[in-house]
Amino acid sequence: MSDSTSAKTSHRHGVISVLVALPFVSLTGLFGKFLTFSPLLIVQGRTVFAFGALLLALFFLRKKIFFSDLREWLWLALSGSILGVHWIAFFQAIQVSTVAIGLLSFASYPLFTTLLEPLFFREPLRVRNVFAALIVICGLALMATSSSDDSNTIISGSVFHGILWGLMAGFGFAVLTLLNRGHVRKHSALLITCWQNGFAALVLLPWSLSESWILSGKELGLLFLLGVVCTVGGHTLLINGLRHVRAQVASLLIAGLEPVFAILFALFLLGEVPSLQTLLGGVLIISTTVFIIYGTEHKEIPEQLSLIHI
């Protein structure tokens, strides 16, 4: 087999792996509807199950489990805390509105990343990113005015709050993206994800103890699916895909298809039908996200793609 044929086969396998991972990624948001308790408890359960599963995986694969540098542990504590807050905002957005509103608002995170880069790395702010921000604002405005329970008001309270929480989730993930940059070059994605989940679970524990921990077998099963199948399973498939395709290709697939899969799952599993205005706003946001990623050099794409928020 020639090198070109082998490369094409490898690329095809990588794309298939990313595409198979997408349903796991996309299903994540629906657990905000499947589980009726607070986002804090959802994230607590998710991080505990994910941390345990990843720790076992590292042990059985005989991979490195601990860090030797205190600064790495401090960075993990900080990034894990941000991860926990990001997920709480993500599930809160979905609970107060719809899966479509939450996912499409969160989909603005690459824009936050590009706008925050000059603050983190003293990189120049590009004019095209300013225009992209204006387009995303237009998309959010379309979504915010898409429905209202009161004919005398323009903006629905639930939609508005869903967008705000979704933007908070996107902002948090953008900060996490920038904090992860550089570290993922030195350590495996599985190791970093494992301890970020562990620290997220540890940091949230004092607050979650005030919640009711009386969960049914069904609820525990759903948390297991969220933490192990969707988080660890989707993560593993995504990493496998990233070994065979450029990060830019993977990011375009994720940014463009994750919200689509999530909205379709919400339609068939929850009966949520997004309005035409919400879909139009979503198209503006997703197309802008794809534009940002497509216009980014391969070396500039954040390596945390393998640490996606799944």
Protein backbone atom coordinates (compact mmCIF):
# COMPACT_ATOMS: atom_id res chain seq x y z
CA MET A 1 0.00 0.00 0.00
CA SER A 2 1.41 3.39 -1.02
CA ASP A 3 2.02 6.17 1.50
CA SER A 4 -0.75 8.31 -0.04
CA THR A 5 -3.28 5.46 0.15
CA SER A 6 -2.25 4.72 3.73
CA ALA A 7 -2.63 8.40 4.65
CA LYS A 8 -6.09 8.55 3.07
CA THR A 9 -7.16 5.42 4.94
CA SER A 10 -5.85 6.80 8.22
CA HIS A 11 -7.62 10.12 7.60
CA ARG A 12 -10.88 8.33 6.81
CA HIS A 13 -10.64 6.26 9.99
CA GLY A 14 -9.96 9.42 11.98
CA VAL A 15 -12.99 11.22 10.55
CA ILE A 16 -15.17 8.17 11.26
CA SER A 17 -13.92 8.06 14.86
CA VAL A 18 -14.74 11.75 15.38
CA LEU A 19 -18.18 11.29 13.81
CA VAL A 20 -18.88 8.29 16.07
CA ALA A 21 -17.81 10.38 19.08
CA LEU A 22 -20.23 13.19 18.17
CA PRO A 23 -23.44 11.42 19.31
CA PHE A 24 -21.85 10.87 22.74
CA VAL A 25 -20.82 14.53 22.86
CA SER A 26 -24.20 15.72 21.64
CA LEU A 27 -26.19 13.64 24.13
CA THR A 28 -24.47 15.36 27.06
CA GLY A 29 -26.76 18.36 27.04
CA LEU A 30 -29.91 16.24 27.15
CA PHE A 31 -28.99 15.00 30.62
CA GLY A 32 -29.88 18.51 31.82
CA LYS A 33 -33.46 17.54 30.96
CA PHE A 34 -33.32 13.83 31.84
CA LEU A 35 -32.11 14.67 35.37
CA THR A 36 -34.43 16.97 37.31
CA PHE A 37 -32.15 17.88 40.21
CA SER A 38 -29.79 20.86 40.33
CA PRO A 39 -26.93 21.36 37.84
CA LEU A 40 -24.57 21.32 40.83
CA LEU A 41 -25.52 17.73 41.65
CA ILE A 42 -25.44 16.72 37.98
CA VAL A 43 -21.88 18.00 37.64
CA GLN A 44 -20.86 16.48 40.98
CA GLY A 45 -22.07 13.06 39.88
CA ARG A 46 -20.61 13.40 36.41
CA THR A 47 -17.14 14.37 37.63
CA VAL A 48 -17.02 11.62 40.27
CA PHE A 49 -17.94 8.89 37.77
CA ALA A 50 -15.63 10.32 35.09
CA PHE A 51 -12.70 10.67 37.50
CA GLY A 52 -13.09 7.10 38.74
CA ALA A 53 -13.37 5.65 35.24
CA LEU A 54 -10.40 7.63 33.91
CA LEU A 55 -8.25 6.73 36.92
CA LEU A 56 -8.98 3.03 36.37
CA ALA A 57 -8.23 3.40 32.66
CA LEU A 58 -4.84 5.00 33.35
CA PHE A 59 -4.03 2.26 35.89
CA PHE A 60 -4.92 -0.67 33.62
CA LEU A 61 -3.21 0.95 30.63
CA ARG A 62 -0.13 1.43 32.84
CA LYS A 63 0.03 5.10 32.01
CA LYS A 64 1.44 7.91 34.14
CA ILE A 65 -1.05 8.78 36.91
CA PHE A 66 0.61 11.47 39.06
CA PHE A 67 2.45 14.74 38.49
CA SER A 68 5.78 15.54 40.12
CA ASP A 69 5.65 19.34 39.83
CA LEU A 70 3.63 21.29 42.43
CA ARG A 71 2.89 23.98 39.82
CA GLU A 72 1.16 21.37 37.67
CA TRP A 73 -1.10 20.41 40.59
CA LEU A 74 -1.95 24.08 41.21
CA TRP A 75 -2.80 24.53 37.53
CA LEU A 76 -4.99 21.41 37.64
CA ALA A 77 -6.80 22.70 40.73
CA LEU A 78 -7.52 26.01 39.01
CA SER A 79 -8.52 24.52 35.66
CA GLY A 80 -10.60 21.81 37.35
CA SER A 81 -12.51 24.48 39.29
CA ILE A 82 -13.21 26.38 36.08
CA LEU A 83 -14.32 23.15 34.40
CA GLY A 84 -16.83 22.54 37.19
CA VAL A 85 -18.26 26.06 36.97
CA HIS A 86 -18.41 25.81 33.17
CA TRP A 87 -20.45 22.61 33.36
CA ILE A 88 -22.83 24.04 35.97
CA ALA A 89 -23.53 27.02 33.71
CA PHE A 90 -23.94 24.67 30.72
CA PHE A 91 -26.58 22.49 32.40
CA GLN A 92 -28.27 25.52 33.95
CA ALA A 93 -28.67 27.03 30.46
CA ILE A 94 -30.42 23.88 29.27
CA GLN A 95 -32.62 23.52 32.35
CA VAL A 96 -33.95 27.09 32.27
CA SER A 97 -34.52 27.10 28.50
CA THR A 98 -34.07 24.38 25.87
CA VAL A 99 -31.30 22.15 24.58
CA ALA A 100 -31.14 24.22 21.37
CA ILE A 101 -30.78 27.56 23.22
CA GLY A 102 -28.16 26.17 25.61
CA LEU A 103 -26.04 24.44 22.94
CA LEU A 104 -26.20 27.26 20.40
CA SER A 105 -25.30 29.91 22.99
CA PHE A 106 -22.41 27.78 24.21
CA ALA A 107 -21.27 27.33 20.58
CA SER A 108 -19.93 30.89 20.74
CA TYR A 109 -16.93 29.75 22.82
CA PRO A 110 -14.37 29.83 19.94
CA LEU A 111 -15.19 33.53 19.56
CA PHE A 112 -14.46 34.13 23.26
CA THR A 113 -11.20 32.24 22.81
CA THR A 114 -10.02 34.45 19.95
CA LEU A 115 -11.07 37.64 21.77
CA LEU A 116 -9.31 36.61 25.00
CA GLU A 117 -6.07 35.52 23.32
CA PRO A 118 -4.61 39.05 23.24
CA LEU A 119 -5.04 39.24 27.04
CA PHE A 120 -3.44 35.85 27.69
CA PHE A 121 -0.68 35.79 25.07
CA ARG A 122 -0.34 39.43 23.93
CA GLU A 123 -1.48 38.50 20.46
CA PRO A 124 -3.00 41.21 18.24
CA LEU A 125 -6.78 41.41 18.02
CA ARG A 126 -7.77 40.75 14.43
CA VAL A 127 -10.37 42.83 12.64
CA ARG A 128 -12.13 39.73 11.33
CA ASN A 129 -12.72 38.59 14.92
CA VAL A 130 -14.43 41.90 15.72
CA PHE A 131 -16.76 41.39 12.75
CA ALA A 132 -17.32 37.80 13.87
CA ALA A 133 -18.34 39.08 17.31
CA LEU A 134 -20.92 41.39 15.74
CA ILE A 135 -22.39 38.51 13.72
CA VAL A 136 -22.63 36.31 16.83
CA ILE A 137 -24.39 39.15 18.67
CA CYS A 138 -26.92 39.31 15.82
CA GLY A 139 -27.44 35.55 16.09
CA LEU A 140 -27.96 35.78 19.85
CA ALA A 141 -30.41 38.66 19.38
CA LEU A 142 -32.43 36.53 16.94
CA MET A 143 -32.52 33.69 19.45
CA ALA A 144 -33.39 35.97 22.38
CA THR A 145 -36.44 37.35 20.58
CA SER A 146 -37.52 34.01 19.17
CA SER A 147 -40.35 33.40 21.63
CA SER A 148 -42.09 35.06 24.51
CA ASP A 149 -44.77 33.92 26.92
CA ASP A 150 -46.07 37.48 27.12
CA SER A 151 -47.23 39.17 23.92
CA ASN A 152 -46.30 42.54 25.42
CA THR A 153 -42.63 41.64 25.80
CA ILE A 154 -40.06 41.15 23.08
CA ILE A 155 -37.67 38.85 24.95
CA SER A 156 -38.75 35.65 26.69
CA GLY A 157 -37.38 35.41 30.21
CA SER A 158 -36.49 31.73 29.92
CA VAL A 159 -34.76 32.19 26.57
CA PHE A 160 -32.85 35.24 27.81
CA HIS A 161 -31.65 33.44 30.94
CA GLY A 162 -30.74 30.38 28.88
CA ILE A 163 -28.61 32.52 26.57
CA LEU A 164 -26.87 34.23 29.51
CA TRP A 165 -26.01 30.91 31.15
CA GLY A 166 -24.92 29.50 27.77
CA LEU A 167 -22.61 32.46 27.22
CA MET A 168 -21.20 32.02 30.73
CA ALA A 169 -20.50 28.37 29.89
CA GLY A 170 -18.83 29.42 26.63
CA PHE A 171 -16.73 32.05 28.39
CA GLY A 172 -15.64 29.56 31.05
CA PHE A 173 -14.66 26.99 28.45
CA ALA A 174 -12.73 29.62 26.49
CA VAL A 175 -10.72 30.48 29.62
CA LEU A 176 -10.12 26.76 30.21
CA THR A 177 -8.97 26.42 26.60
CA LEU A 178 -6.35 29.12 27.06
CA LEU A 179 -5.19 27.76 30.42
CA ASN A 180 -4.75 24.31 28.88
CA ARG A 181 -2.65 25.58 26.01
CA GLY A 182 0.92 24.38 26.40
CA HIS A 183 0.14 21.83 29.10
CA VAL A 184 -1.42 19.36 26.68
CA ARG A 185 1.87 19.26 24.79
CA LYS A 186 3.61 17.86 27.88
CA HIS A 187 0.97 15.47 29.26
CA SER A 188 -1.56 13.04 27.84
CA ALA A 189 -5.11 14.29 27.39
CA LEU A 190 -6.45 11.36 29.44
CA LEU A 191 -4.24 12.28 32.40
CA ILE A 192 -5.21 15.95 32.32
CA THR A 193 -8.91 15.20 31.91
CA CYS A 194 -8.78 12.68 34.75
CA TRP A 195 -7.40 15.15 37.30
CA GLN A 196 -9.44 18.11 36.07
CA ASN A 197 -12.54 16.02 36.73
CA GLY A 198 -11.12 14.98 40.09
CA PHE A 199 -10.45 18.55 41.20
CA ALA A 200 -13.83 19.70 39.88
CA ALA A 201 -15.51 17.03 42.01
CA LEU A 202 -13.42 17.99 45.06
CA VAL A 203 -14.05 21.74 44.75
CA LEU A 204 -17.81 21.33 44.28
CA LEU A 205 -18.21 18.87 47.16
CA PRO A 206 -18.66 21.44 50.00
CA TRP A 207 -21.57 23.07 48.12
CA SER A 208 -23.16 19.85 46.89
CA LEU A 209 -23.28 18.46 50.44
CA SER A 210 -26.08 20.93 51.14
CA GLU A 211 -28.16 19.30 48.37
CA SER A 212 -30.38 16.25 48.73
CA TRP A 213 -28.34 13.18 47.78
CA ILE A 214 -31.33 10.82 47.78
CA LEU A 215 -31.15 9.53 44.21
CA SER A 216 -33.11 6.73 42.59
CA GLY A 217 -31.47 3.84 40.78
CA LYS A 218 -32.54 5.38 37.48
CA GLU A 219 -30.90 8.71 38.36
CA LEU A 220 -27.66 6.98 39.39
CA GLY A 221 -27.75 5.04 36.13
CA LEU A 222 -28.16 8.27 34.14
CA LEU A 223 -25.23 9.85 36.00
CA PHE A 224 -23.15 6.77 35.22
CA LEU A 225 -24.04 7.06 31.53
CA LEU A 226 -23.18 10.77 31.57
CA GLY A 227 -19.89 10.37 33.42
CA VAL A 228 -18.59 7.13 31.93
CA VAL A 229 -20.23 6.50 28.55
CA CYS A 230 -20.68 10.06 27.26
CA THR A 231 -17.65 11.66 28.93
CA VAL A 232 -15.02 8.90 28.93
CA GLY A 233 -16.35 7.00 25.90
CA GLY A 234 -16.77 10.10 23.76
CA HIS A 235 -13.41 11.43 24.92
CA THR A 236 -11.61 8.21 23.97
CA LEU A 237 -13.15 8.14 20.49
CA LEU A 238 -12.29 11.80 19.98
CA ILE A 239 -8.65 11.31 20.96
CA ASN A 240 -8.42 8.34 18.60
CA GLY A 241 -9.78 10.49 15.78
CA LEU A 242 -7.36 13.32 16.52
CA ARG A 243 -4.44 10.93 16.00
CA HIS A 244 -5.42 10.58 12.34
CA VAL A 245 -6.90 13.94 11.29
CA ARG A 246 -5.78 17.53 11.59
CA ALA A 247 -7.11 19.38 14.61
CA GLN A 248 -8.67 21.90 12.24
CA VAL A 249 -10.74 19.20 10.51
CA ALA A 250 -11.87 17.77 13.84
CA SER A 251 -12.79 21.18 15.21
CA LEU A 252 -14.85 21.98 12.10
CA LEU A 253 -16.74 18.69 12.45
CA ILE A 254 -17.42 19.29 16.15
CA ALA A 255 -18.37 22.96 15.85
CA GLY A 256 -20.62 22.34 12.87
CA LEU A 257 -22.29 19.06 13.81
CA GLU A 258 -22.47 18.88 17.62
CA PRO A 259 -25.34 21.41 17.92
CA VAL A 260 -27.13 19.77 14.99
CA PHE A 261 -26.98 16.31 16.60
CA ALA A 262 -28.04 17.74 19.98
CA ILE A 263 -31.07 19.54 18.49
CA LEU A 264 -32.12 16.39 16.61
CA PHE A 265 -31.77 14.27 19.77
CA ALA A 266 -33.82 16.83 21.71
CA LEU A 267 -36.47 16.78 18.98
CA PHE A 268 -36.89 12.99 18.98
CA LEU A 269 -36.21 12.22 22.66
CA LEU A 270 -37.70 15.29 24.37
CA GLY A 271 -40.13 16.63 21.80
CA GLU A 272 -38.39 20.04 21.78
CA VAL A 273 -39.09 21.86 18.53
CA PRO A 274 -36.89 24.95 18.10
CA SER A 275 -38.46 27.96 16.43
CA LEU A 276 -37.34 29.09 13.00
CA GLN A 277 -35.87 32.24 14.56
CA THR A 278 -33.81 30.16 17.00
CA LEU A 279 -32.49 28.04 14.12
CA LEU A 280 -31.60 31.13 12.07
CA GLY A 281 -29.74 32.60 15.04
CA GLY A 282 -27.99 29.28 15.50
CA VAL A 283 -26.95 29.19 11.85
CA LEU A 284 -25.32 32.62 12.26
CA ILE A 285 -23.44 31.50 15.38
CA ILE A 286 -22.29 28.14 14.00
CA SER A 287 -21.26 29.57 10.62
CA THR A 288 -19.25 32.27 12.40
CA THR A 289 -17.60 29.63 14.58
CA VAL A 290 -16.68 27.60 11.50
CA PHE A 291 -15.35 30.78 9.86
CA ILE A 292 -13.11 31.49 12.88
CA ILE A 293 -11.76 27.93 12.97
CA TYR A 294 -11.29 27.71 9.19
CA GLY A 295 -9.36 30.98 9.20
CA THR A 296 -7.06 29.79 11.99
CA GLU A 297 -3.71 28.27 11.22
CA HIS A 298 -3.36 24.63 12.28
CA LYS A 299 -0.68 25.47 14.82
CA GLU A 300 -2.89 28.11 16.42
CA ILE A 301 -5.86 25.82 17.08
CA PRO A 302 -6.05 25.13 20.81
CA GLU A 303 -4.73 21.67 21.55
CA GLN A 304 -7.45 21.18 24.13
CA LEU A 305 -9.70 19.84 21.36
CA SER A 306 -9.04 16.49 23.01
CA LEU A 307 -10.24 18.08 26.26
CA ILE A 308 -13.59 19.09 24.78
CA HIS A 309 -16.35 19.85 27.26
CA ILE A 310 -18.00 16.47 26.84
